[in-house]
Amino acid sequence: MSRTNATRMPELMSHEREALDALLDSEIVGNVAYVNDDGSPGLLPTAVARLGDSLIVHGSTGSRWMRLVSGVPAAVSVTSLGGIVVARSAFESSLIYSSAVLFGSFQVLHGDEKSAALDALTEKLIPGRLREVRPNNKKELAATLVLALPVDEWSLRVSDGWPEDTDDDIADDAWAGQVRWGTRAATVVDAPDLRSGIHAPESVRALHDRG
Protein backbone atom coordinates (compact mmCIF):
# COMPACT_ATOMS: atom_id res chain seq x y z
CA MET A 1 0.00 0.00 0.00
CA SER A 2 1.20 3.50 -0.80
CA ARG A 3 2.27 5.59 2.18
CA THR A 4 -0.14 8.31 1.03
CA ASN A 5 -3.19 6.01 1.17
CA ALA A 6 -5.39 6.07 4.26
CA THR A 7 -5.46 2.94 6.39
CA ARG A 8 -8.14 4.44 8.62
CA MET A 9 -11.02 6.90 8.12
CA PRO A 10 -10.44 7.39 4.36
CA GLU A 11 -13.39 9.81 4.26
CA LEU A 12 -11.12 12.45 5.82
CA MET A 13 -8.61 12.25 2.97
CA SER A 14 -8.46 15.04 0.40
CA HIS A 15 -6.79 14.72 -2.99
CA GLU A 16 -7.33 18.36 -3.95
CA ARG A 17 -4.03 20.07 -4.73
CA GLU A 18 -5.65 23.47 -4.15
CA ALA A 19 -6.51 22.43 -0.60
CA LEU A 20 -2.92 21.33 -0.02
CA ASP A 21 -1.53 24.59 -1.38
CA ALA A 22 -3.92 26.58 0.81
CA LEU A 23 -2.66 24.74 3.90
CA LEU A 24 1.02 25.15 2.99
CA ASP A 25 0.47 28.84 2.24
CA SER A 26 -1.37 29.54 5.50
CA GLU A 27 0.99 27.86 7.97
CA ILE A 28 4.48 28.99 8.95
CA VAL A 29 5.94 25.92 10.67
CA GLY A 30 6.59 22.45 9.31
CA ASN A 31 8.09 19.45 11.10
CA VAL A 32 10.88 17.74 9.17
CA ALA A 33 11.53 14.07 9.92
CA TYR A 34 14.85 12.46 9.07
CA VAL A 35 17.18 9.62 10.02
CA ASN A 36 20.44 10.24 11.89
CA ASP A 37 23.73 8.64 10.87
CA ASP A 38 23.29 6.00 13.58
CA GLY A 39 19.83 5.06 12.30
CA SER A 40 17.90 6.83 15.05
CA PRO A 41 14.98 9.09 14.10
CA GLY A 42 15.07 12.87 14.24
CA LEU A 43 12.40 15.56 14.00
CA LEU A 44 12.78 19.33 13.82
CA PRO A 45 10.26 22.18 13.47
CA THR A 46 11.28 24.89 11.02
CA ALA A 47 9.82 27.73 8.95
CA VAL A 48 8.43 26.59 5.59
CA ALA A 49 7.15 28.32 2.48
CA ARG A 50 5.71 27.01 -0.77
CA LEU A 51 7.30 28.29 -3.93
CA GLY A 52 5.40 26.90 -6.90
CA ASP A 53 5.74 23.12 -6.74
CA SER A 54 8.38 23.08 -4.00
CA LEU A 55 8.42 23.41 -0.24
CA ILE A 56 11.30 25.60 0.91
CA VAL A 57 13.28 25.43 4.17
CA HIS A 58 16.45 27.25 5.16
CA GLY A 59 19.09 27.41 7.85
CA SER A 60 22.79 27.71 8.54
CA THR A 61 25.28 25.94 6.31
CA GLY A 62 26.54 24.41 9.56
CA SER A 63 23.15 22.91 10.35
CA ARG A 64 23.50 19.20 10.97
CA TRP A 65 19.88 18.30 10.30
CA MET A 66 19.86 20.15 6.99
CA ARG A 67 22.89 18.22 5.83
CA LEU A 68 21.20 14.99 6.90
CA VAL A 69 18.04 15.61 4.83
CA SER A 70 19.83 16.80 1.69
CA GLY A 71 19.37 14.31 -1.15
CA VAL A 72 17.94 11.48 0.95
CA PRO A 73 14.35 10.38 1.76
CA ALA A 74 12.63 12.69 4.22
CA ALA A 75 9.13 13.64 5.33
CA VAL A 76 7.52 16.93 6.35
CA SER A 77 4.26 17.48 8.20
CA VAL A 78 2.29 20.74 8.23
CA THR A 79 -0.83 21.12 10.39
CA SER A 80 -3.47 23.76 10.95
CA LEU A 81 -5.52 23.32 14.14
CA GLY A 82 -8.92 24.97 13.98
CA GLY A 83 -10.55 23.86 17.21
CA ILE A 84 -12.13 20.94 19.06
CA VAL A 85 -15.16 18.82 18.24
CA VAL A 86 -16.81 18.40 21.64
CA ALA A 87 -18.86 15.24 21.70
CA ARG A 88 -21.20 13.99 24.40
CA SER A 89 -18.54 11.47 25.33
CA ALA A 90 -14.78 11.79 25.68
CA PHE A 91 -14.34 8.87 23.27
CA GLU A 92 -16.06 10.63 20.34
CA SER A 93 -14.40 14.04 20.87
CA SER A 94 -11.82 15.03 18.27
CA LEU A 95 -9.99 17.93 16.62
CA ILE A 96 -10.84 20.30 13.79
CA TYR A 97 -7.75 20.29 11.59
CA SER A 98 -6.08 20.13 8.22
CA SER A 99 -2.87 18.12 8.16
CA ALA A 100 -0.51 17.24 5.32
CA VAL A 101 2.50 14.96 5.10
CA LEU A 102 4.92 15.37 2.21
CA PHE A 103 7.49 12.77 1.16
CA GLY A 104 10.57 13.14 -1.01
CA SER A 105 14.17 14.31 -1.04
CA PHE A 106 15.35 17.85 -0.38
CA GLN A 107 17.65 19.37 -2.97
CA VAL A 108 20.13 22.19 -2.34
CA LEU A 109 19.35 25.43 -4.18
CA HIS A 110 21.99 27.73 -5.62
CA GLY A 111 22.23 31.09 -7.35
CA ASP A 112 19.03 32.79 -8.45
CA GLU A 113 16.89 29.86 -7.26
CA LYS A 114 18.36 30.22 -3.78
CA SER A 115 17.75 33.98 -3.70
CA ALA A 116 14.16 33.55 -4.93
CA ALA A 117 13.50 30.93 -2.26
CA LEU A 118 14.82 33.17 0.52
CA ASP A 119 12.66 36.02 -0.78
CA ALA A 120 9.64 33.69 -0.71
CA LEU A 121 10.35 32.77 2.91
CA THR A 122 10.69 36.42 3.90
CA GLU A 123 7.42 37.35 2.21
CA LYS A 124 5.70 34.33 3.75
CA LEU A 125 6.61 35.44 7.27
CA ILE A 126 6.03 39.19 6.75
CA PRO A 127 4.32 40.08 3.47
CA GLY A 128 5.73 43.29 2.01
CA ARG A 129 8.93 43.18 4.08
CA LEU A 130 11.29 42.79 1.13
CA ARG A 131 10.71 46.32 -0.10
CA GLU A 132 11.53 47.71 3.36
CA VAL A 133 14.91 46.07 3.98
CA ARG A 134 18.20 45.71 2.14
CA PRO A 135 18.86 42.57 0.06
CA ASN A 136 20.87 39.72 1.52
CA ASN A 137 24.58 40.32 1.04
CA LYS A 138 27.11 37.79 -0.27
CA LYS A 139 28.30 36.84 3.22
CA GLU A 140 24.76 36.15 4.42
CA LEU A 141 23.93 34.13 1.32
CA ALA A 142 27.10 32.08 1.71
CA ALA A 143 26.20 31.32 5.34
CA THR A 144 22.68 30.14 4.45
CA LEU A 145 21.65 26.73 3.18
CA VAL A 146 18.36 26.57 1.27
CA LEU A 147 16.61 23.29 0.48
CA ALA A 148 13.61 22.53 -1.74
CA LEU A 149 11.31 19.53 -1.47
CA PRO A 150 9.24 18.78 -4.61
CA VAL A 151 5.51 18.68 -3.83
CA ASP A 152 4.95 15.39 -5.64
CA GLU A 153 4.08 12.75 -3.06
CA TRP A 154 1.72 13.87 -0.31
CA SER A 155 -1.34 13.09 1.75
CA LEU A 156 -3.89 15.49 3.19
CA ARG A 157 -6.49 14.91 5.88
CA VAL A 158 -9.22 17.41 6.72
CA SER A 159 -11.51 17.03 9.72
CA ASP A 160 -14.26 19.59 10.25
CA GLY A 161 -17.33 17.62 11.23
CA TRP A 162 -19.79 17.32 14.08
CA PRO A 163 -19.74 14.80 16.92
CA GLU A 164 -20.77 11.29 15.91
CA ASP A 165 -22.48 10.42 19.16
CA THR A 166 -24.48 7.28 19.78
CA ASP A 167 -28.24 7.48 20.10
CA ASP A 168 -27.94 6.82 23.82
CA ASP A 169 -25.51 9.72 24.29
CA ILE A 170 -27.66 12.06 22.19
CA ALA A 171 -30.56 11.27 24.50
CA ASP A 172 -28.43 12.21 27.49
CA ASP A 173 -28.01 15.73 28.91
CA ALA A 174 -24.34 16.30 27.90
CA TRP A 175 -23.53 19.26 25.64
CA ALA A 176 -22.07 18.72 22.16
CA GLY A 177 -20.76 21.08 19.50
CA GLN A 178 -17.57 22.72 18.29
CA VAL A 179 -15.08 25.05 19.94
CA ARG A 180 -13.37 26.96 17.13
CA TRP A 181 -10.25 29.09 17.55
CA GLY A 182 -10.39 32.71 16.43
CA THR A 183 -7.67 34.42 14.43
CA ARG A 184 -4.28 34.74 16.10
CA ALA A 185 -3.87 37.99 17.98
CA ALA A 186 -0.79 39.97 16.99
CA THR A 187 1.08 42.25 19.38
CA VAL A 188 3.81 44.54 18.06
CA VAL A 189 6.61 45.27 20.56
CA ASP A 190 9.51 47.64 19.80
CA ALA A 191 13.04 46.34 20.33
CA PRO A 192 14.55 47.76 23.53
CA ASP A 193 17.43 49.33 21.58
CA LEU A 194 15.19 50.90 18.91
CA ARG A 195 15.98 54.59 18.47
CA SER A 196 13.26 57.04 19.39
CA GLY A 197 11.02 58.14 16.53
CA ILE A 198 11.29 54.92 14.48
CA HIS A 199 7.86 53.42 13.97
CA ALA A 200 6.75 49.95 12.89
CA PRO A 201 6.75 49.69 9.07
CA GLU A 202 3.74 49.04 6.90
CA SER A 203 4.39 45.28 6.66
CA VAL A 204 4.46 44.88 10.45
CA ARG A 205 1.41 47.08 10.96
CA ALA A 206 -0.43 44.94 8.42
CA LEU A 207 0.36 41.82 10.45
CA HIS A 208 -1.04 43.54 13.54
CA ASP A 209 -4.18 44.68 11.72
CA ARG A 210 -4.70 41.22 10.23
CA GLY A 211 -4.23 39.66 13.70
C-alpha atoms as a PDB file:
ATOM      1  CA  MET A   1       0.000   0.000   0.000  1.00  0.00           C
ATOM      2  CA  SER A   2       1.198   3.503  -0.800  1.00  0.00           C
ATOM      3  CA  ARG A   3       2.271   5.593   2.185  1.00  0.00           C
ATOM      4  CA  THR A   4      -0.141   8.309   1.027  1.00  0.00           C
ATOM      5  CA  ASN A   5      -3.185   6.011   1.172  1.00  0.00           C
ATOM      6  CA  ALA A   6      -5.386   6.067   4.255  1.00  0.00           C
ATOM      7  CA  THR A   7      -5.458   2.939   6.393  1.00  0.00           C
ATOM      8  CA  ARG A   8      -8.141   4.437   8.619  1.00  0.00           C
ATOM      9  CA  MET A   9     -11.019   6.899   8.116  1.00  0.00           C
ATOM     10  CA  PRO A  10     -10.437   7.394   4.365  1.00  0.00           C
ATOM     11  CA  GLU A  11     -13.392   9.810   4.262  1.00  0.00           C
ATOM     12  CA  LEU A  12     -11.120  12.449   5.816  1.00  0.00           C
ATOM     13  CA  MET A  13      -8.610  12.253   2.973  1.00  0.00           C
ATOM     14  CA  SER A  14      -8.463  15.036   0.403  1.00  0.00           C
ATOM     15  CA  HIS A  15      -6.790  14.724  -2.988  1.00  0.00           C
ATOM     16  CA  GLU A  16      -7.329  18.359  -3.948  1.00  0.00           C
ATOM     17  CA  ARG A  17      -4.031  20.067  -4.734  1.00  0.00           C
ATOM     18  CA  GLU A  18      -5.650  23.474  -4.154  1.00  0.00           C
ATOM     19  CA  ALA A  19      -6.510  22.426  -0.596  1.00  0.00           C
ATOM     20  CA  LEU A  20      -2.922  21.326  -0.022  1.00  0.00           C
ATOM     21  CA  ASP A  21      -1.530  24.589  -1.384  1.00  0.00           C
ATOM     22  CA  ALA A  22      -3.924  26.575   0.811  1.00  0.00           C
ATOM     23  CA  LEU A  23      -2.662  24.737   3.898  1.00  0.00           C
ATOM     24  CA  LEU A  24       1.017  25.149   2.993  1.00  0.00           C
ATOM     25  CA  ASP A  25       0.474  28.841   2.239  1.00  0.00           C
ATOM     26  CA  SER A  26      -1.372  29.537   5.497  1.00  0.00           C
ATOM     27  CA  GLU A  27       0.995  27.865   7.967  1.00  0.00           C
ATOM     28  CA  ILE A  28       4.483  28.988   8.947  1.00  0.00           C
ATOM     29  CA  VAL A  29       5.941  25.922  10.674  1.00  0.00           C
ATOM     30  CA  GLY A  30       6.588  22.445   9.314  1.00  0.00           C
ATOM     31  CA  ASN A  31       8.094  19.445  11.102  1.00  0.00           C
ATOM     32  CA  VAL A  32      10.879  17.736   9.172  1.00  0.00           C
ATOM     33  CA  ALA A  33      11.534  14.068   9.921  1.00  0.00           C
ATOM     34  CA  TYR A  34      14.852  12.457   9.069  1.00  0.00           C
ATOM     35  CA  VAL A  35      17.185   9.619  10.017  1.00  0.00           C
ATOM     36  CA  ASN A  36      20.442  10.243  11.887  1.00  0.00           C
ATOM     37  CA  ASP A  37      23.733   8.644  10.872  1.00  0.00           C
ATOM     38  CA  ASP A  38      23.295   6.004  13.579  1.00  0.00           C
ATOM     39  CA  GLY A  39      19.833   5.062  12.302  1.00  0.00           C
ATOM     40  CA  SER A  40      17.903   6.826  15.054  1.00  0.00           C
ATOM     41  CA  PRO A  41      14.976   9.092  14.102  1.00  0.00           C
ATOM     42  CA  GLY A  42      15.067  12.871  14.235  1.00  0.00           C
ATOM     43  CA  LEU A  43      12.404  15.565  14.002  1.00  0.00           C
ATOM     44  CA  LEU A  44      12.783  19.327  13.817  1.00  0.00           C
ATOM     45  CA  PRO A  45      10.260  22.184  13.470  1.00  0.00           C
ATOM     46  CA  THR A  46      11.278  24.894  11.019  1.00  0.00           C
ATOM     47  CA  ALA A  47       9.816  27.728   8.950  1.00  0.00           C
ATOM     48  CA  VAL A  48       8.428  26.590   5.594  1.00  0.00           C
ATOM     49  CA  ALA A  49       7.153  28.324   2.479  1.00  0.00           C
ATOM     50  CA  ARG A  50       5.708  27.008  -0.766  1.00  0.00           C
ATOM     51  CA  LEU A  51       7.302  28.291  -3.934  1.00  0.00           C
ATOM     52  CA  GLY A  52       5.401  26.896  -6.900  1.00  0.00           C
ATOM     53  CA  ASP A  53       5.736  23.116  -6.740  1.00  0.00           C
ATOM     54  CA  SER A  54       8.384  23.075  -4.003  1.00  0.00           C
ATOM     55  CA  LEU A  55       8.421  23.409  -0.241  1.00  0.00           C
ATOM     56  CA  ILE A  56      11.304  25.598   0.915  1.00  0.00           C
ATOM     57  CA  VAL A  57      13.281  25.432   4.174  1.00  0.00           C
ATOM     58  CA  HIS A  58      16.452  27.250   5.157  1.00  0.00           C
ATOM     59  CA  GLY A  59      19.091  27.406   7.846  1.00  0.00           C
ATOM     60  CA  SER A  60      22.785  27.709   8.544  1.00  0.00           C
ATOM     61  CA  THR A  61      25.283  25.941   6.307  1.00  0.00           C
ATOM     62  CA  GLY A  62      26.545  24.412   9.556  1.00  0.00           C
ATOM     63  CA  SER A  63      23.146  22.914  10.345  1.00  0.00           C
ATOM     64  CA  ARG A  64      23.502  19.196  10.965  1.00  0.00           C
ATOM     65  CA  TRP A  65      19.878  18.298  10.305  1.00  0.00           C
ATOM     66  CA  MET A  66      19.864  20.154   6.990  1.00  0.00           C
ATOM     67  CA  ARG A  67      22.893  18.219   5.828  1.00  0.00           C
ATOM     68  CA  LEU A  68      21.201  14.988   6.902  1.00  0.00           C
ATOM     69  CA  VAL A  69      18.043  15.611   4.832  1.00  0.00           C
ATOM     70  CA  SER A  70      19.828  16.796   1.687  1.00  0.00           C
ATOM     71  CA  GLY A  71      19.373  14.314  -1.151  1.00  0.00           C
ATOM     72  CA  VAL A  72      17.937  11.481   0.953  1.00  0.00           C
ATOM     73  CA  PRO A  73      14.353  10.381   1.762  1.00  0.00           C
ATOM     74  CA  ALA A  74      12.630  12.692   4.220  1.00  0.00           C
ATOM     75  CA  ALA A  75       9.129  13.639   5.331  1.00  0.00           C
ATOM     76  CA  VAL A  76       7.522  16.932   6.349  1.00  0.00           C
ATOM     77  CA  SER A  77       4.261  17.478   8.196  1.00  0.00           C
ATOM     78  CA  VAL A  78       2.289  20.742   8.230  1.00  0.00           C
ATOM     79  CA  THR A  79      -0.826  21.115  10.390  1.00  0.00           C
ATOM     80  CA  SER A  80      -3.468  23.759  10.954  1.00  0.00           C
ATOM     81  CA  LEU A  81      -5.516  23.316  14.141  1.00  0.00           C
ATOM     82  CA  GLY A  82      -8.922  24.974  13.979  1.00  0.00           C
ATOM     83  CA  GLY A  83     -10.548  23.857  17.211  1.00  0.00           C
ATOM     84  CA  ILE A  84     -12.129  20.945  19.056  1.00  0.00           C
ATOM     85  CA  VAL A  85     -15.163  18.817  18.238  1.00  0.00           C
ATOM     86  CA  VAL A  86     -16.810  18.399  21.635  1.00  0.00           C
ATOM     87  CA  ALA A  87     -18.863  15.236  21.697  1.00  0.00           C
ATOM     88  CA  ARG A  88     -21.204  13.987  24.405  1.00  0.00           C
ATOM     89  CA  SER A  89     -18.540  11.466  25.334  1.00  0.00           C
ATOM     90  CA  ALA A  90     -14.778  11.790  25.685  1.00  0.00           C
ATOM     91  CA  PHE A  91     -14.345   8.873  23.267  1.00  0.00           C
ATOM     92  CA  GLU A  92     -16.060  10.630  20.345  1.00  0.00           C
ATOM     93  CA  SER A  93     -14.403  14.040  20.869  1.00  0.00           C
ATOM     94  CA  SER A  94     -11.821  15.028  18.267  1.00  0.00           C
ATOM     95  CA  LEU A  95      -9.993  17.928  16.617  1.00  0.00           C
ATOM     96  CA  ILE A  96     -10.845  20.299  13.788  1.00  0.00           C
ATOM     97  CA  TYR A  97      -7.754  20.287  11.594  1.00  0.00           C
ATOM     98  CA  SER A  98      -6.077  20.127   8.223  1.00  0.00           C
ATOM     99  CA  SER A  99      -2.865  18.120   8.155  1.00  0.00           C
ATOM    100  CA  ALA A 100      -0.512  17.241   5.322  1.00  0.00           C
ATOM    101  CA  VAL A 101       2.500  14.964   5.099  1.00  0.00           C
ATOM    102  CA  LEU A 102       4.918  15.373   2.205  1.00  0.00           C
ATOM    103  CA  PHE A 103       7.491  12.771   1.162  1.00  0.00           C
ATOM    104  CA  GLY A 104      10.574  13.139  -1.014  1.00  0.00           C
ATOM    105  CA  SER A 105      14.171  14.307  -1.045  1.00  0.00           C
ATOM    106  CA  PHE A 106      15.350  17.853  -0.378  1.00  0.00           C
ATOM    107  CA  GLN A 107      17.652  19.375  -2.967  1.00  0.00           C
ATOM    108  CA  VAL A 108      20.126  22.187  -2.342  1.00  0.00           C
ATOM    109  CA  LEU A 109      19.346  25.431  -4.179  1.00  0.00           C
ATOM    110  CA  HIS A 110      21.992  27.735  -5.619  1.00  0.00           C
ATOM    111  CA  GLY A 111      22.231  31.094  -7.349  1.00  0.00           C
ATOM    112  CA  ASP A 112      19.031  32.786  -8.451  1.00  0.00           C
ATOM    113  CA  GLU A 113      16.893  29.856  -7.260  1.00  0.00           C
ATOM    114  CA  LYS A 114      18.362  30.220  -3.783  1.00  0.00           C
ATOM    115  CA  SER A 115      17.750  33.983  -3.702  1.00  0.00           C
ATOM    116  CA  ALA A 116      14.164  33.553  -4.934  1.00  0.00           C
ATOM    117  CA  ALA A 117      13.497  30.934  -2.264  1.00  0.00           C
ATOM    118  CA  LEU A 118      14.824  33.171   0.515  1.00  0.00           C
ATOM    119  CA  ASP A 119      12.664  36.021  -0.778  1.00  0.00           C
ATOM    120  CA  ALA A 120       9.643  33.694  -0.711  1.00  0.00           C
ATOM    121  CA  LEU A 121      10.355  32.768   2.908  1.00  0.00           C
ATOM    122  CA  THR A 122      10.685  36.415   3.897  1.00  0.00           C
ATOM    123  CA  GLU A 123       7.423  37.345   2.205  1.00  0.00           C
ATOM    124  CA  LYS A 124       5.696  34.326   3.748  1.00  0.00           C
ATOM    125  CA  LEU A 125       6.613  35.443   7.266  1.00  0.00           C
ATOM    126  CA  ILE A 126       6.034  39.187   6.752  1.00  0.00           C
ATOM    127  CA  PRO A 127       4.320  40.075   3.467  1.00  0.00           C
ATOM    128  CA  GLY A 128       5.732  43.291   2.014  1.00  0.00           C
ATOM    129  CA  ARG A 129       8.928  43.184   4.077  1.00  0.00           C
ATOM    130  CA  LEU A 130      11.287  42.786   1.128  1.00  0.00           C
ATOM    131  CA  ARG A 131      10.706  46.324  -0.103  1.00  0.00           C
ATOM    132  CA  GLU A 132      11.525  47.714   3.356  1.00  0.00           C
ATOM    133  CA  VAL A 133      14.914  46.074   3.980  1.00  0.00           C
ATOM    134  CA  ARG A 134      18.197  45.707   2.142  1.00  0.00           C
ATOM    135  CA  PRO A 135      18.860  42.574   0.062  1.00  0.00           C
ATOM    136  CA  ASN A 136      20.867  39.716   1.523  1.00  0.00           C
ATOM    137  CA  ASN A 137      24.582  40.318   1.040  1.00  0.00           C
ATOM    138  CA  LYS A 138      27.106  37.788  -0.272  1.00  0.00           C
ATOM    139  CA  LYS A 139      28.301  36.836   3.216  1.00  0.00           C
ATOM    140  CA  GLU A 140      24.760  36.154   4.420  1.00  0.00           C
ATOM    141  CA  LEU A 141      23.926  34.128   1.321  1.00  0.00           C
ATOM    142  CA  ALA A 142      27.101  32.080   1.713  1.00  0.00           C
ATOM    143  CA  ALA A 143      26.195  31.317   5.337  1.00  0.00           C
ATOM    144  CA  THR A 144      22.682  30.144   4.447  1.00  0.00           C
ATOM    145  CA  LEU A 145      21.647  26.732   3.180  1.00  0.00           C
ATOM    146  CA  VAL A 146      18.355  26.570   1.272  1.00  0.00           C
ATOM    147  CA  LEU A 147      16.608  23.290   0.480  1.00  0.00           C
ATOM    148  CA  ALA A 148      13.606  22.535  -1.741  1.00  0.00           C
ATOM    149  CA  LEU A 149      11.312  19.525  -1.474  1.00  0.00           C
ATOM    150  CA  PRO A 150       9.237  18.782  -4.609  1.00  0.00           C
ATOM    151  CA  VAL A 151       5.508  18.683  -3.832  1.00  0.00           C
ATOM    152  CA  ASP A 152       4.951  15.393  -5.642  1.00  0.00           C
ATOM    153  CA  GLU A 153       4.084  12.753  -3.061  1.00  0.00           C
ATOM    154  CA  TRP A 154       1.725  13.866  -0.312  1.00  0.00           C
ATOM    155  CA  SER A 155      -1.339  13.086   1.745  1.00  0.00           C
ATOM    156  CA  LEU A 156      -3.886  15.494   3.194  1.00  0.00           C
ATOM    157  CA  ARG A 157      -6.491  14.914   5.875  1.00  0.00           C
ATOM    158  CA  VAL A 158      -9.217  17.408   6.715  1.00  0.00           C
ATOM    159  CA  SER A 159     -11.505  17.028   9.720  1.00  0.00           C
ATOM    160  CA  ASP A 160     -14.261  19.586  10.253  1.00  0.00           C
ATOM    161  CA  GLY A 161     -17.332  17.621  11.233  1.00  0.00           C
ATOM    162  CA  TRP A 162     -19.792  17.318  14.084  1.00  0.00           C
ATOM    163  CA  PRO A 163     -19.740  14.796  16.917  1.00  0.00           C
ATOM    164  CA  GLU A 164     -20.772  11.288  15.909  1.00  0.00           C
ATOM    165  CA  ASP A 165     -22.483  10.420  19.159  1.00  0.00           C
ATOM    166  CA  THR A 166     -24.476   7.276  19.777  1.00  0.00           C
ATOM    167  CA  ASP A 167     -28.239   7.483  20.102  1.00  0.00           C
ATOM    168  CA  ASP A 168     -27.945   6.821  23.824  1.00  0.00           C
ATOM    169  CA  ASP A 169     -25.512   9.717  24.286  1.00  0.00           C
ATOM    170  CA  ILE A 170     -27.660  12.060  22.186  1.00  0.00           C
ATOM    171  CA  ALA A 171     -30.560  11.269  24.496  1.00  0.00           C
ATOM    172  CA  ASP A 172     -28.426  12.213  27.491  1.00  0.00           C
ATOM    173  CA  ASP A 173     -28.007  15.735  28.906  1.00  0.00           C
ATOM    174  CA  ALA A 174     -24.343  16.296  27.904  1.00  0.00           C
ATOM    175  CA  TRP A 175     -23.531  19.263  25.640  1.00  0.00           C
ATOM    176  CA  ALA A 176     -22.074  18.718  22.160  1.00  0.00           C
ATOM    177  CA  GLY A 177     -20.760  21.081  19.496  1.00  0.00           C
ATOM    178  CA  GLN A 178     -17.565  22.722  18.289  1.00  0.00           C
ATOM    179  CA  VAL A 179     -15.078  25.052  19.937  1.00  0.00           C
ATOM    180  CA  ARG A 180     -13.368  26.960  17.128  1.00  0.00           C
ATOM    181  CA  TRP A 181     -10.253  29.090  17.547  1.00  0.00           C
ATOM    182  CA  GLY A 182     -10.392  32.706  16.432  1.00  0.00           C
ATOM    183  CA  THR A 183      -7.665  34.420  14.426  1.00  0.00           C
ATOM    184  CA  ARG A 184      -4.277  34.745  16.099  1.00  0.00           C
ATOM    185  CA  ALA A 185      -3.872  37.994  17.983  1.00  0.00           C
ATOM    186  CA  ALA A 186      -0.789  39.975  16.987  1.00  0.00           C
ATOM    187  CA  THR A 187       1.085  42.253  19.377  1.00  0.00           C
ATOM    188  CA  VAL A 188       3.813  44.543  18.060  1.00  0.00           C
ATOM    189  CA  VAL A 189       6.606  45.271  20.556  1.00  0.00           C
ATOM    190  CA  ASP A 190       9.515  47.642  19.801  1.00  0.00           C
ATOM    191  CA  ALA A 191      13.044  46.338  20.331  1.00  0.00           C
ATOM    192  CA  PRO A 192      14.551  47.763  23.532  1.00  0.00           C
ATOM    193  CA  ASP A 193      17.427  49.328  21.577  1.00  0.00           C
ATOM    194  CA  LEU A 194      15.188  50.899  18.909  1.00  0.00           C
ATOM    195  CA  ARG A 195      15.976  54.589  18.470  1.00  0.00           C
ATOM    196  CA  SER A 196      13.260  57.038  19.387  1.00  0.00           C
ATOM    197  CA  GLY A 197      11.020  58.142  16.527  1.00  0.00           C
ATOM    198  CA  ILE A 198      11.291  54.916  14.477  1.00  0.00           C
ATOM    199  CA  HIS A 199       7.855  53.421  13.968  1.00  0.00           C
ATOM    200  CA  ALA A 200       6.749  49.952  12.886  1.00  0.00           C
ATOM    201  CA  PRO A 201       6.748  49.694   9.066  1.00  0.00           C
ATOM    202  CA  GLU A 202       3.743  49.040   6.896  1.00  0.00           C
ATOM    203  CA  SER A 203       4.386  45.285   6.663  1.00  0.00           C
ATOM    204  CA  VAL A 204       4.465  44.885  10.448  1.00  0.00           C
ATOM    205  CA  ARG A 205       1.408  47.078  10.956  1.00  0.00           C
ATOM    206  CA  ALA A 206      -0.431  44.942   8.419  1.00  0.00           C
ATOM    207  CA  LEU A 207       0.356  41.824  10.453  1.00  0.00           C
ATOM    208  CA  HIS A 208      -1.042  43.536  13.536  1.00  0.00           C
ATOM    209  CA  ASP A 209      -4.184  44.678  11.723  1.00  0.00           C
ATOM    210  CA  ARG A 210      -4.702  41.222  10.226  1.00  0.00           C
ATOM    211  CA  GLY A 211      -4.235  39.664  13.702  1.00  0.00           C
END
